[in-house]
C-alpha cells in the first residue's frame, strides 16, 4: 500500500529515572501515533507520522529531542506498508 505522508519508527534511548516522564511527554505529541516501552537495545519505540520530511525534522529536533530525559534516537522511515492497520490487513487473530 502506498503511504501518504511520512511514517517513521523512532527508537528512543532514555535516562532510566526519566522513563515515566518521557512517556508522558510523548503521549502529548499528536504525531506520535503509537508508543511502546520495550526491552532490548532501546527503551521506547514510537510510530510517528508527518506530512513530509521537513515536518518530521522539526518534530524530532524541536519536540522529541528536547524532552528532558531523552538521550538519543534512531529513526527508520517506512517505505511501504505490507500489512497493518493502514492496509486493512492488520486484523488480529481471533478478532471479530
C-alpha atoms as a PDB file:
ATOM      1  CA  UNK A   1       0.000   0.000   0.000  1.00  0.00           C
ATOM      2  CA  UNK A   2       1.296   3.447  -0.881  1.00  0.00           C
ATOM      3  CA  UNK A   3       1.895   5.682   2.111  1.00  0.00           C
ATOM      4  CA  UNK A   4       0.505   9.183   2.268  1.00  0.00           C
ATOM      5  CA  UNK A   5       2.868  11.434   4.138  1.00  0.00           C
ATOM      6  CA  UNK A   6       5.785  10.152   6.139  1.00  0.00           C
ATOM      7  CA  UNK A   7       5.717   7.322   8.662  1.00  0.00           C
ATOM      8  CA  UNK A   8       8.726   6.630  10.884  1.00  0.00           C
ATOM      9  CA  UNK A   9       9.685   4.326  13.705  1.00  0.00           C
ATOM     10  CA  UNK A  10      11.617   6.396  16.231  1.00  0.00           C
ATOM     11  CA  UNK A  11      13.563   4.309  18.742  1.00  0.00           C
ATOM     12  CA  UNK A  12      14.422   6.306  21.835  1.00  0.00           C
ATOM     13  CA  UNK A  13      17.168   5.897  24.435  1.00  0.00           C
ATOM     14  CA  UNK A  14      16.056   7.348  27.781  1.00  0.00           C
ATOM     15  CA  UNK A  15      17.721   8.087  31.117  1.00  0.00           C
ATOM     16  CA  UNK A  16      16.299   5.335  33.351  1.00  0.00           C
ATOM     17  CA  UNK A  17      14.992   7.644  36.074  1.00  0.00           C
ATOM     18  CA  UNK A  18      13.105   9.731  33.495  1.00  0.00           C
ATOM     19  CA  UNK A  19      11.270   6.933  31.667  1.00  0.00           C
ATOM     20  CA  UNK A  20       7.788   7.676  33.017  1.00  0.00           C
ATOM     21  CA  UNK A  21       8.178  11.420  32.401  1.00  0.00           C
ATOM     22  CA  UNK A  22       9.376  10.833  28.827  1.00  0.00           C
ATOM     23  CA  UNK A  23       6.444   8.500  28.122  1.00  0.00           C
ATOM     24  CA  UNK A  24       4.022  11.117  29.480  1.00  0.00           C
ATOM     25  CA  UNK A  25       5.571  13.874  27.345  1.00  0.00           C
ATOM     26  CA  UNK A  26       5.461  11.709  24.208  1.00  0.00           C
ATOM     27  CA  UNK A  27       1.756  10.957  24.721  1.00  0.00           C
ATOM     28  CA  UNK A  28       1.111  14.706  24.428  1.00  0.00           C
ATOM     29  CA  UNK A  29       2.575  14.909  20.886  1.00  0.00           C
ATOM     30  CA  UNK A  30      -0.223  14.350  18.336  1.00  0.00           C
ATOM     31  CA  UNK A  31       2.179  13.000  15.680  1.00  0.00           C
ATOM     32  CA  UNK A  32       3.134  10.106  17.970  1.00  0.00           C
ATOM     33  CA  UNK A  33       0.588   7.543  16.808  1.00  0.00           C
ATOM     34  CA  UNK A  34       1.883   4.544  18.735  1.00  0.00           C
ATOM     35  CA  UNK A  35       4.127   4.333  21.786  1.00  0.00           C
ATOM     36  CA  UNK A  36       5.725   1.227  23.290  1.00  0.00           C
ATOM     37  CA  UNK A  37       8.013   0.689  26.260  1.00  0.00           C
ATOM     38  CA  UNK A  38      10.258  -2.173  25.133  1.00  0.00           C
ATOM     39  CA  UNK A  39      13.041  -4.465  26.245  1.00  0.00           C
ATOM     40  CA  UNK A  40      16.274  -4.730  24.317  1.00  0.00           C
ATOM     41  CA  UNK A  41      18.504  -2.099  22.798  1.00  0.00           C
ATOM     42  CA  UNK A  42      16.044   0.813  23.084  1.00  0.00           C
ATOM     43  CA  UNK A  43      13.781   1.949  25.900  1.00  0.00           C
ATOM     44  CA  UNK A  44      10.872   3.281  23.836  1.00  0.00           C
ATOM     45  CA  UNK A  45       9.687   2.642  20.278  1.00  0.00           C
ATOM     46  CA  UNK A  46       7.261   5.091  18.688  1.00  0.00           C
ATOM     47  CA  UNK A  47       5.452   5.243  15.383  1.00  0.00           C
ATOM     48  CA  UNK A  48       5.399   8.860  14.237  1.00  0.00           C
ATOM     49  CA  UNK A  49       3.582  10.447  11.293  1.00  0.00           C
ATOM     50  CA  UNK A  50       4.349  13.690   9.475  1.00  0.00           C
ATOM     51  CA  UNK A  51       3.223  15.359   6.278  1.00  0.00           C
ATOM     52  CA  UNK A  52       6.770  15.463   4.913  1.00  0.00           C
ATOM     53  CA  UNK A  53      10.443  15.267   5.877  1.00  0.00           C
ATOM     54  CA  UNK A  54      10.542  18.920   6.941  1.00  0.00           C
ATOM     55  CA  UNK A  55       7.708  18.421   9.427  1.00  0.00           C
ATOM     56  CA  UNK A  56       9.373  15.239  10.695  1.00  0.00           C
ATOM     57  CA  UNK A  57      12.715  17.013  11.158  1.00  0.00           C
ATOM     58  CA  UNK A  58      11.016  19.778  13.151  1.00  0.00           C
ATOM     59  CA  UNK A  59       9.156  17.252  15.288  1.00  0.00           C
ATOM     60  CA  UNK A  60      12.301  15.268  16.032  1.00  0.00           C
ATOM     61  CA  UNK A  61      14.589  18.256  16.604  1.00  0.00           C
ATOM     62  CA  UNK A  62      12.234  20.613  18.426  1.00  0.00           C
ATOM     63  CA  UNK A  63       9.923  18.273  20.313  1.00  0.00           C
ATOM     64  CA  UNK A  64      11.173  14.718  20.832  1.00  0.00           C
ATOM     65  CA  UNK A  65      14.866  15.507  21.354  1.00  0.00           C
ATOM     66  CA  UNK A  66      14.006  18.398  23.702  1.00  0.00           C
ATOM     67  CA  UNK A  67      12.129  16.176  26.154  1.00  0.00           C
ATOM     68  CA  UNK A  68      14.109  16.022  29.400  1.00  0.00           C
ATOM     69  CA  UNK A  69      15.482  12.508  29.781  1.00  0.00           C
ATOM     70  CA  UNK A  70      15.727  11.645  26.074  1.00  0.00           C
ATOM     71  CA  UNK A  71      19.357  10.726  25.419  1.00  0.00           C
ATOM     72  CA  UNK A  72      19.237   9.905  21.697  1.00  0.00           C
ATOM     73  CA  UNK A  73      17.093   8.458  18.920  1.00  0.00           C
ATOM     74  CA  UNK A  74      17.399   6.127  15.944  1.00  0.00           C
ATOM     75  CA  UNK A  75      14.881   6.549  13.131  1.00  0.00           C
ATOM     76  CA  UNK A  76      13.704   4.126  10.448  1.00  0.00           C
ATOM     77  CA  UNK A  77      11.447   5.541   7.730  1.00  0.00           C
ATOM     78  CA  UNK A  78       8.649   3.278   6.490  1.00  0.00           C
ATOM     79  CA  UNK A  79       8.960   2.831   2.736  1.00  0.00           C
ATOM     80  CA  UNK A  80       5.952   0.570   2.118  1.00  0.00           C
ATOM     81  CA  UNK A  81       3.219  -0.992   4.276  1.00  0.00           C
ATOM     82  CA  UNK A  82       2.675  -4.682   3.537  1.00  0.00           C
ATOM     83  CA  UNK A  83       0.416  -5.497   6.489  1.00  0.00           C
ATOM     84  CA  UNK A  84      -1.144  -3.488   9.279  1.00  0.00           C
ATOM     85  CA  UNK A  85      -3.993  -1.171  10.161  1.00  0.00           C
ATOM     86  CA  UNK A  86      -3.158   1.134   7.261  1.00  0.00           C
ATOM     87  CA  UNK A  87      -3.761  -1.666   4.710  1.00  0.00           C
ATOM     88  CA  UNK A  88      -6.886  -3.293   6.100  1.00  0.00           C
ATOM     89  CA  UNK A  89      -4.824  -6.493   6.549  1.00  0.00           C
ATOM     90  CA  UNK A  90      -3.941  -5.860  10.152  1.00  0.00           C
ATOM     91  CA  UNK A  91      -6.748  -7.650  11.981  1.00  0.00           C
ATOM     92  CA  UNK A  92      -5.508  -9.653  14.950  1.00  0.00           C
ATOM     93  CA  UNK A  93      -6.039 -13.394  15.064  1.00  0.00           C
ATOM     94  CA  UNK A  94      -9.315 -14.174  16.757  1.00  0.00           C
ATOM     95  CA  UNK A  95     -10.650 -10.626  16.335  1.00  0.00           C
ATOM     96  CA  UNK A  96     -14.229 -10.371  15.200  1.00  0.00           C
END
